[in-house]
């Protein structure tokens, strides 16, 4: 006598859960990168925050303090 339930199970393809999980993770990462790049390019506040906190970039202004050295002062060094 044939087992009806066994035939149904054998006819179904097994799904590789590992491949599906990796594919979902890759898709989520790609979407996240696209969203972050879109925000960076379109929103000035996001760009300033990312430059300051993530990329550690500081924007200099014209009123920043500067130190000017003469050539004579730069040649004189104290060597220990």
PDB file of N, CA and C in Angstrom:
ATOM      1  N   UNK A   1       0.835  -1.181   0.000  1.00  0.00           N
ATOM      2  CA  UNK A   1       0.000   0.000   0.000  1.00  0.00           C
ATOM      3  C   UNK A   1       0.883   1.249   0.000  1.00  0.00           C
ATOM      4  N   UNK A   2       0.552   2.219  -0.841  1.00  0.00           N
ATOM      5  CA  UNK A   2       1.338   3.437  -0.962  1.00  0.00           C
ATOM      6  C   UNK A   2       0.965   4.417   0.136  1.00  0.00           C
ATOM      7  N   UNK A   3       1.995   5.145   0.554  1.00  0.00           N
ATOM      8  CA  UNK A   3       1.758   6.186   1.559  1.00  0.00           C
ATOM      9  C   UNK A   3       1.535   7.506   0.820  1.00  0.00           C
ATOM     10  N   UNK A   4       0.339   8.035   0.900  1.00  0.00           N
ATOM     11  CA  UNK A   4      -0.026   9.248   0.172  1.00  0.00           C
ATOM     12  C   UNK A   4       0.773  10.451   0.682  1.00  0.00           C
ATOM     13  N   UNK A   5       0.975  10.561   1.969  1.00  0.00           N
ATOM     14  CA  UNK A   5       1.675  11.704   2.549  1.00  0.00           C
ATOM     15  C   UNK A   5       3.137  11.720   2.141  1.00  0.00           C
ATOM     16  N   UNK A   6       3.743  10.568   2.015  1.00  0.00           N
ATOM     17  CA  UNK A   6       5.152  10.480   1.660  1.00  0.00           C
ATOM     18  C   UNK A   6       5.381  10.977   0.235  1.00  0.00           C
ATOM     19  N   UNK A   7       4.457  10.668  -0.677  1.00  0.00           N
ATOM     20  CA  UNK A   7       4.589  11.116  -2.061  1.00  0.00           C
ATOM     21  C   UNK A   7       4.510  12.639  -2.155  1.00  0.00           C
ATOM     22  N   UNK A   8       3.656  13.265  -1.358  1.00  0.00           N
ATOM     23  CA  UNK A   8       3.529  14.724  -1.383  1.00  0.00           C
ATOM     24  C   UNK A   8       4.804  15.403  -0.899  1.00  0.00           C
ATOM     25  N   UNK A   9       5.423  14.838   0.113  1.00  0.00           N
ATOM     26  CA  UNK A   9       6.647  15.429   0.662  1.00  0.00           C
ATOM     27  C   UNK A   9       7.807  15.286  -0.307  1.00  0.00           C
ATOM     28  N   UNK A  10       7.927  14.179  -0.989  1.00  0.00           N
ATOM     29  CA  UNK A  10       9.026  13.961  -1.926  1.00  0.00           C
ATOM     30  C   UNK A  10       8.928  14.857  -3.151  1.00  0.00           C
ATOM     31  N   UNK A  11       7.736  15.261  -3.544  1.00  0.00           N
ATOM     32  CA  UNK A  11       7.543  16.092  -4.725  1.00  0.00           C
ATOM     33  C   UNK A  11       7.900  17.549  -4.494  1.00  0.00           C
ATOM     34  N   UNK A  12       7.987  17.983  -3.271  1.00  0.00           N
ATOM     35  CA  UNK A  12       8.276  19.380  -2.953  1.00  0.00           C
ATOM     36  C   UNK A  12       9.790  19.580  -2.884  1.00  0.00           C
ATOM     37  N   UNK A  13      10.267  20.663  -3.544  1.00  0.00           N
ATOM     38  CA  UNK A  13      11.690  20.993  -3.481  1.00  0.00           C
ATOM     39  C   UNK A  13      12.016  21.566  -2.113  1.00  0.00           C
ATOM     40  N   UNK A  14      13.167  21.223  -1.619  1.00  0.00           N
ATOM     41  CA  UNK A  14      13.614  21.799  -0.349  1.00  0.00           C
ATOM     42  C   UNK A  14      14.176  23.189  -0.604  1.00  0.00           C
ATOM     43  N   UNK A  15      13.864  24.092   0.286  1.00  0.00           N
ATOM     44  CA  UNK A  15      14.325  25.469   0.182  1.00  0.00           C
ATOM     45  C   UNK A  15      15.591  25.609   1.026  1.00  0.00           C
ATOM     46  N   UNK A  16      16.617  26.167   0.417  1.00  0.00           N
ATOM     47  CA  UNK A  16      17.866  26.382   1.133  1.00  0.00           C
ATOM     48  C   UNK A  16      17.737  27.657   1.963  1.00  0.00           C
ATOM     49  N   UNK A  17      17.567  27.500   3.255  1.00  0.00           N
ATOM     50  CA  UNK A  17      17.330  28.632   4.149  1.00  0.00           C
ATOM     51  C   UNK A  17      18.553  29.543   4.250  1.00  0.00           C
ATOM     52  N   UNK A  18      19.735  28.977   4.133  1.00  0.00           N
ATOM     53  CA  UNK A  18      20.955  29.775   4.243  1.00  0.00           C
ATOM     54  C   UNK A  18      21.067  30.755   3.068  1.00  0.00           C
ATOM     55  N   UNK A  19      20.763  30.277   1.864  1.00  0.00           N
ATOM     56  CA  UNK A  19      20.825  31.158   0.692  1.00  0.00           C
ATOM     57  C   UNK A  19      19.784  32.271   0.783  1.00  0.00           C
ATOM     58  N   UNK A  20      18.604  31.937   1.265  1.00  0.00           N
ATOM     59  CA  UNK A  20      17.549  32.945   1.399  1.00  0.00           C
ATOM     60  C   UNK A  20      17.941  33.992   2.433  1.00  0.00           C
ATOM     61  N   UNK A  21      18.519  33.557   3.558  1.00  0.00           N
ATOM     62  CA  UNK A  21      18.935  34.497   4.600  1.00  0.00           C
ATOM     63  C   UNK A  21      20.034  35.429   4.085  1.00  0.00           C
ATOM     64  N   UNK A  22      21.007  34.888   3.375  1.00  0.00           N
ATOM     65  CA  UNK A  22      22.099  35.715   2.833  1.00  0.00           C
ATOM     66  C   UNK A  22      21.552  36.700   1.809  1.00  0.00           C
ATOM     67  N   UNK A  23      20.642  36.251   0.966  1.00  0.00           N
ATOM     68  CA  UNK A  23      20.057  37.134  -0.035  1.00  0.00           C
ATOM     69  C   UNK A  23      19.285  38.275   0.617  1.00  0.00           C
ATOM     70  N   UNK A  24      18.516  37.969   1.646  1.00  0.00           N
ATOM     71  CA  UNK A  24      17.747  39.006   2.343  1.00  0.00           C
ATOM     72  C   UNK A  24      18.686  40.018   3.002  1.00  0.00           C
ATOM     73  N   UNK A  25      19.754  39.540   3.629  1.00  0.00           N
ATOM     74  CA  UNK A  25      20.711  40.438   4.278  1.00  0.00           C
ATOM     75  C   UNK A  25      21.381  41.348   3.258  1.00  0.00           C
ATOM     76  N   UNK A  26      21.772  40.800   2.107  1.00  0.00           N
ATOM     77  CA  UNK A  26      22.420  41.599   1.061  1.00  0.00           C
ATOM     78  C   UNK A  26      21.453  42.653   0.530  1.00  0.00           C
ATOM     79  N   UNK A  27      20.207  42.278   0.315  1.00  0.00           N
ATOM     80  CA  UNK A  27      19.214  43.233  -0.191  1.00  0.00           C
ATOM     81  C   UNK A  27      18.990  44.360   0.819  1.00  0.00           C
ATOM     82  N   UNK A  28      18.901  44.019   2.092  1.00  0.00           N
ATOM     83  CA  UNK A  28      18.719  45.040   3.132  1.00  0.00           C
ATOM     84  C   UNK A  28      19.916  45.985   3.172  1.00  0.00           C
ATOM     85  N   UNK A  29      21.126  45.456   3.073  1.00  0.00           N
ATOM     86  CA  UNK A  29      22.322  46.306   3.082  1.00  0.00           C
ATOM     87  C   UNK A  29      22.366  47.235   1.871  1.00  0.00           C
ATOM     88  N   UNK A  30      22.003  46.718   0.700  1.00  0.00           N
ATOM     89  CA  UNK A  30      22.010  47.548  -0.509  1.00  0.00           C
ATOM     90  C   UNK A  30      20.990  48.670  -0.378  1.00  0.00           C
ATOM     91  N   UNK A  31      19.804  48.364   0.125  1.00  0.00           N
ATOM     92  CA  UNK A  31      18.776  49.388   0.307  1.00  0.00           C
ATOM     93  C   UNK A  31      19.237  50.423   1.329  1.00  0.00           C
ATOM     94  N   UNK A  32      19.867  49.974   2.415  1.00  0.00           N
ATOM     95  CA  UNK A  32      20.348  50.907   3.438  1.00  0.00           C
ATOM     96  C   UNK A  32      21.416  51.836   2.872  1.00  0.00           C
ATOM     97  N   UNK A  33      22.325  51.308   2.078  1.00  0.00           N
ATOM     98  CA  UNK A  33      23.372  52.146   1.477  1.00  0.00           C
ATOM     99  C   UNK A  33      22.752  53.163   0.530  1.00  0.00           C
ATOM    100  N   UNK A  34      21.778  52.743  -0.251  1.00  0.00           N
ATOM    101  CA  UNK A  34      21.121  53.675  -1.179  1.00  0.00           C
ATOM    102  C   UNK A  34      20.412  54.786  -0.409  1.00  0.00           C
ATOM    103  N   UNK A  35      19.743  54.448   0.685  1.00  0.00           N
ATOM    104  CA  UNK A  35      19.043  55.459   1.491  1.00  0.00           C
ATOM    105  C   UNK A  35      20.037  56.434   2.112  1.00  0.00           C
ATOM    106  N   UNK A  36      21.139  55.929   2.659  1.00  0.00           N
ATOM    107  CA  UNK A  36      22.131  56.800   3.299  1.00  0.00           C
ATOM    108  C   UNK A  36      22.768  57.735   2.271  1.00  0.00           C
ATOM    109  N   UNK A  37      23.115  57.213   1.108  1.00  0.00           N
ATOM    110  CA  UNK A  37      23.713  58.055   0.065  1.00  0.00           C
ATOM    111  C   UNK A  37      22.702  59.102  -0.408  1.00  0.00           C
ATOM    112  N   UNK A  38      21.447  58.705  -0.555  1.00  0.00           N
ATOM    113  CA  UNK A  38      20.412  59.656  -0.956  1.00  0.00           C
ATOM    114  C   UNK A  38      20.236  60.770   0.058  1.00  0.00           C
ATOM    115  N   UNK A  39      20.217  60.410   1.345  1.00  0.00           N
ATOM    116  CA  UNK A  39      20.106  61.436   2.381  1.00  0.00           C
ATOM    117  C   UNK A  39      21.326  62.342   2.391  1.00  0.00           C
ATOM    118  N   UNK A  40      22.505  61.773   2.222  1.00  0.00           N
ATOM    119  CA  UNK A  40      23.735  62.557   2.239  1.00  0.00           C
ATOM    120  C   UNK A  40      23.741  63.578   1.099  1.00  0.00           C
ATOM    121  N   UNK A  41      23.291  63.151  -0.063  1.00  0.00           N
ATOM    122  CA  UNK A  41      23.332  64.048  -1.220  1.00  0.00           C
ATOM    123  C   UNK A  41      22.214  65.089  -1.198  1.00  0.00           C
ATOM    124  N   UNK A  42      21.066  64.774  -0.607  1.00  0.00           N
ATOM    125  CA  UNK A  42      19.927  65.672  -0.712  1.00  0.00           C
ATOM    126  C   UNK A  42      19.703  66.554   0.520  1.00  0.00           C
ATOM    127  N   UNK A  43      20.140  66.135   1.689  1.00  0.00           N
ATOM    128  CA  UNK A  43      19.822  66.866   2.914  1.00  0.00           C
ATOM    129  C   UNK A  43      21.094  67.475   3.499  1.00  0.00           C
ATOM    130  N   UNK A  44      21.113  68.801   3.586  1.00  0.00           N
ATOM    131  CA  UNK A  44      22.307  69.512   4.063  1.00  0.00           C
ATOM    132  C   UNK A  44      22.599  69.226   5.530  1.00  0.00           C
ATOM    133  N   UNK A  45      21.558  69.123   6.362  1.00  0.00           N
ATOM    134  CA  UNK A  45      21.777  68.853   7.785  1.00  0.00           C
ATOM    135  C   UNK A  45      22.369  67.459   8.001  1.00  0.00           C
ATOM    136  N   UNK A  46      21.895  66.492   7.243  1.00  0.00           N
ATOM    137  CA  UNK A  46      22.435  65.133   7.347  1.00  0.00           C
ATOM    138  C   UNK A  46      23.885  65.120   6.880  1.00  0.00           C
ATOM    139  N   UNK A  47      24.177  65.858   5.817  1.00  0.00           N
ATOM    140  CA  UNK A  47      25.542  65.912   5.300  1.00  0.00           C
ATOM    141  C   UNK A  47      26.498  66.504   6.335  1.00  0.00           C
ATOM    142  N   UNK A  48      26.077  67.594   6.979  1.00  0.00           N
ATOM    143  CA  UNK A  48      26.933  68.216   7.998  1.00  0.00           C
ATOM    144  C   UNK A  48      27.144  67.284   9.185  1.00  0.00           C
ATOM    145  N   UNK A  49      26.073  66.599   9.624  1.00  0.00           N
ATOM    146  CA  UNK A  49      26.191  65.679  10.755  1.00  0.00           C
ATOM    147  C   UNK A  49      27.109  64.514  10.415  1.00  0.00           C
ATOM    148  N   UNK A  50      26.959  63.941   9.218  1.00  0.00           N
ATOM    149  CA  UNK A  50      27.800  62.808   8.830  1.00  0.00           C
ATOM    150  C   UNK A  50      29.255  63.241   8.658  1.00  0.00           C
ATOM    151  N   UNK A  51      29.465  64.427   8.078  1.00  0.00           N
ATOM    152  CA  UNK A  51      30.834  64.921   7.917  1.00  0.00           C
ATOM    153  C   UNK A  51      31.505  65.097   9.273  1.00  0.00           C
ATOM    154  N   UNK A  52      30.779  65.634  10.227  1.00  0.00           N
ATOM    155  CA  UNK A  52      31.359  65.921  11.532  1.00  0.00           C
ATOM    156  C   UNK A  52      31.532  64.665  12.377  1.00  0.00           C
ATOM    157  N   UNK A  53      30.507  63.830  12.464  1.00  0.00           N
ATOM    158  CA  UNK A  53      30.527  62.703  13.399  1.00  0.00           C
ATOM    159  C   UNK A  53      31.033  61.390  12.812  1.00  0.00           C
ATOM    160  N   UNK A  54      30.822  61.158  11.548  1.00  0.00           N
ATOM    161  CA  UNK A  54      31.230  59.882  10.962  1.00  0.00           C
ATOM    162  C   UNK A  54      32.564  60.022  10.237  1.00  0.00           C
ATOM    163  N   UNK A  55      32.668  61.004   9.342  1.00  0.00           N
ATOM    164  CA  UNK A  55      33.888  61.170   8.552  1.00  0.00           C
ATOM    165  C   UNK A  55      34.943  62.022   9.251  1.00  0.00           C
ATOM    166  N   UNK A  56      34.580  62.649  10.366  1.00  0.00           N
ATOM    167  CA  UNK A  56      35.485  63.496  11.154  1.00  0.00           C
ATOM    168  C   UNK A  56      36.083  64.619  10.304  1.00  0.00           C
ATOM    169  N   UNK A  57      35.250  65.229   9.470  1.00  0.00           N
ATOM    170  CA  UNK A  57      35.695  66.361   8.667  1.00  0.00           C
ATOM    171  C   UNK A  57      35.255  67.641   9.354  1.00  0.00           C
ATOM    172  N   UNK A  58      36.110  68.606   9.382  1.00  0.00           N
ATOM    173  CA  UNK A  58      35.792  69.914   9.950  1.00  0.00           C
ATOM    174  C   UNK A  58      35.912  70.944   8.839  1.00  0.00           C
ATOM    175  N   UNK A  59      34.940  71.800   8.747  1.00  0.00           N
ATOM    176  CA  UNK A  59      34.946  72.853   7.740  1.00  0.00           C
ATOM    177  C   UNK A  59      35.580  74.086   8.357  1.00  0.00           C
ATOM    178  N   UNK A  60      36.599  74.603   7.691  1.00  0.00           N
ATOM    179  CA  UNK A  60      37.287  75.791   8.188  1.00  0.00           C
ATOM    180  C   UNK A  60      36.608  77.046   7.655  1.00  0.00           C
ATOM    181  N   UNK A  61      36.706  78.103   8.419  1.00  0.00           N
ATOM    182  CA  UNK A  61      36.131  79.379   8.012  1.00  0.00           C
ATOM    183  C   UNK A  61      37.247  80.391   7.830  1.00  0.00           C
ATOM    184  N   UNK A  62      36.897  81.491   7.204  1.00  0.00           N
ATOM    185  CA  UNK A  62      37.875  82.548   6.959  1.00  0.00           C
ATOM    186  C   UNK A  62      38.319  83.219   8.254  1.00  0.00           C
ATOM    187  N   UNK A  63      37.498  83.177   9.269  1.00  0.00           N
ATOM    188  CA  UNK A  63      37.826  83.863  10.521  1.00  0.00           C
ATOM    189  C   UNK A  63      38.599  82.962  11.481  1.00  0.00           C
ATOM    190  N   UNK A  64      39.038  81.804  11.030  1.00  0.00           N
ATOM    191  CA  UNK A  64      39.764  80.893  11.912  1.00  0.00           C
ATOM    192  C   UNK A  64      41.141  81.474  12.246  1.00  0.00           C
ATOM    193  N   UNK A  65      41.621  81.190  13.435  1.00  0.00           N
ATOM    194  CA  UNK A  65      42.925  81.683  13.869  1.00  0.00           C
ATOM    195  C   UNK A  65      44.023  80.954  13.102  1.00  0.00           C
ATOM    196  N   UNK A  66      45.008  81.708  12.659  1.00  0.00           N
ATOM    197  CA  UNK A  66      46.128  81.118  11.925  1.00  0.00           C
ATOM    198  C   UNK A  66      47.431  81.564  12.554  1.00  0.00           C
ATOM    199  N   UNK A  67      48.444  80.759  12.374  1.00  0.00           N
ATOM    200  CA  UNK A  67      49.783  81.093  12.853  1.00  0.00           C
ATOM    201  C   UNK A  67      50.691  81.168  11.636  1.00  0.00           C
ATOM    202  N   UNK A  68      51.264  82.333  11.430  1.00  0.00           N
ATOM    203  CA  UNK A  68      52.160  82.508  10.297  1.00  0.00           C
ATOM    204  C   UNK A  68      53.590  82.491  10.797  1.00  0.00           C
ATOM    205  N   UNK A  69      54.420  81.718  10.118  1.00  0.00           N
ATOM    206  CA  UNK A  69      55.827  81.623  10.491  1.00  0.00           C
ATOM    207  C   UNK A  69      56.682  82.196   9.378  1.00  0.00           C
ATOM    208  N   UNK A  70      57.713  82.916   9.772  1.00  0.00           N
ATOM    209  CA  UNK A  70      58.687  83.414   8.804  1.00  0.00           C
ATOM    210  C   UNK A  70      59.658  82.304   8.472  1.00  0.00           C
ATOM    211  N   UNK A  71      60.377  82.474   7.378  1.00  0.00           N
ATOM    212  CA  UNK A  71      61.360  81.463   7.001  1.00  0.00           C
ATOM    213  C   UNK A  71      62.473  81.373   8.041  1.00  0.00           C
ATOM    214  N   UNK A  72      62.833  82.499   8.620  1.00  0.00           N
ATOM    215  CA  UNK A  72      63.889  82.498   9.622  1.00  0.00           C
ATOM    216  C   UNK A  72      63.462  81.724  10.858  1.00  0.00           C
ATOM    217  N   UNK A  73      62.229  81.887  11.250  1.00  0.00           N
ATOM    218  CA  UNK A  73      61.754  81.182  12.435  1.00  0.00           C
ATOM    219  C   UNK A  73      61.639  79.688  12.186  1.00  0.00           C
ATOM    220  N   UNK A  74      61.316  79.306  10.990  1.00  0.00           N
ATOM    221  CA  UNK A  74      61.157  77.876  10.719  1.00  0.00           C
ATOM    222  C   UNK A  74      62.512  77.185  10.632  1.00  0.00           C
ATOM    223  N   UNK A  75      63.563  77.923  10.278  1.00  0.00           N
ATOM    224  CA  UNK A  75      64.906  77.309  10.191  1.00  0.00           C
ATOM    225  C   UNK A  75      65.522  77.111  11.561  1.00  0.00           C
ATOM    226  N   UNK A  76      65.154  77.956  12.499  1.00  0.00           N
ATOM    227  CA  UNK A  76      65.678  77.815  13.858  1.00  0.00           C
ATOM    228  C   UNK A  76      64.890  76.737  14.575  1.00  0.00           C
ATOM    229  N   UNK A  77      65.538  75.652  14.864  1.00  0.00           N
ATOM    230  CA  UNK A  77      64.844  74.596  15.618  1.00  0.00           C
ATOM    231  C   UNK A  77      65.721  74.221  16.788  1.00  0.00           C
ATOM    232  N   UNK A  78      65.079  73.837  17.829  1.00  0.00           N
ATOM    233  CA  UNK A  78      65.788  73.389  19.017  1.00  0.00           C
ATOM    234  C   UNK A  78      65.865  71.877  18.945  1.00  0.00           C
ATOM    235  N   UNK A  79      67.031  71.371  18.733  1.00  0.00           N
ATOM    236  CA  UNK A  79      67.198  69.922  18.605  1.00  0.00           C
ATOM    237  C   UNK A  79      67.801  69.404  19.908  1.00  0.00           C
ATOM    238  N   UNK A  80      67.175  68.416  20.438  1.00  0.00           N
ATOM    239  CA  UNK A  80      67.662  67.854  21.700  1.00  0.00           C
ATOM    240  C   UNK A  80      68.287  66.519  21.436  1.00  0.00           C
TER     241      UNK A  80
END
